[in-house]
Amino acid sequence: MQTPHWFDTYINQQSIEGFITVEGARVSYRTWSQSKSTEKQQSLLFVHGHAAHSHWWDFIAPGFTDDYNVLAIDLTGNGNSDHRSHYSAMTYAKEILAVASLQQNTIVIGHSFGGMMTRIAAFLDASGVTSKIKGIILVDSVIPTERGTKARPPPPQKGREKPIRYYQNLETAMLRFRLKPPQKCSNQFVIDHIARHSLRKSEKGYLFKVDQSVFTKMEDCVELPSGVAMIQKITCPIGFIYGDQSRFFPGEKHQFLEELMGKDNVVVIPDAAHHVFLDQPQAFIAALGALLLKVQY
């Protein structure tokens, strides 16, 4: 299948992988070319969603390298970062803050679960003496109106953990890739690229990099306010992008988002579902660029 020229140009733009240690685990992140601008010394940090990784942004991040220093993170349990025996929202927030602090004036863009962790990071950052985050943009990320945690399945008993599945070749493994939450995506070239980078080769064959037990290993160390309360207390500028076909933000939710974050700070992408930038990558790049200017970070 022939891929669009713009897509090939972006995914072939070189990135450099680095690692930083957060609470005993190695966290992988990638950086693209440094900003050419001498006036705008700002940075962007892209945060993936659940069961994803930094390569989800390969065809998005390069669209901003002329004006920003650009990074993307692999949250632990995902991509090339370490797996943990336990995870928590607080730990994920610390990972985001640690990578954000590697550059100056960092704006964090978080999708889905990554947007939730970005929101928590910005909320915690707002109470600090020195701010590491200068702005956030949430992408189709749920904002709970009430405090509370979603019930999670119990962790597997020792010796009864879900077995790791190995595949004989990369092509067979890629066919097993699925979006979470599930949805159709007409851009198969995007899915293929993401699937390829979701796997690694071992002596037993190819396996998915993600820790399949992330949610069952999640712990809540502290009680946090509701998503709405966090948004109201975050001091940095906030933007929001979502798809008009999103399962989480049907039409009646638009007013709720505008009232919470301001009419000019909410952008809806036509013909896009929850995985907005997979469905409409070029429209997403344009919308994100305009939103970054509009909210005046």
Foldseek 3Di string as FASTA:
>chain_A
DDDDPLQVVQLPQDKDWDWDDAPHWTKIKIWGAAAPDPPAQEAEEEEEAPQFAQLLCSSQQVLCRNRHTYMYIAQDLAFPIHHDLFAELVRSLVVVLVVLQVGAAYEYEYAARRLVSPLVNLLVQQPDPDHSYQEYEYELYDFFPFWDDDDDDAADDVVGHDDFDFDAALVVQLVPDADVVGDDAPPVVSSSSRSSSQWDADPVHITGSGDPCHRNRYDYPDTDGTRLVSLVNRDHAYAYEYECAEPRQHPVCLVVVCVSRNPLRYYYDYPAYSSRCRRPVVSVSVVVVVNCVRRPD
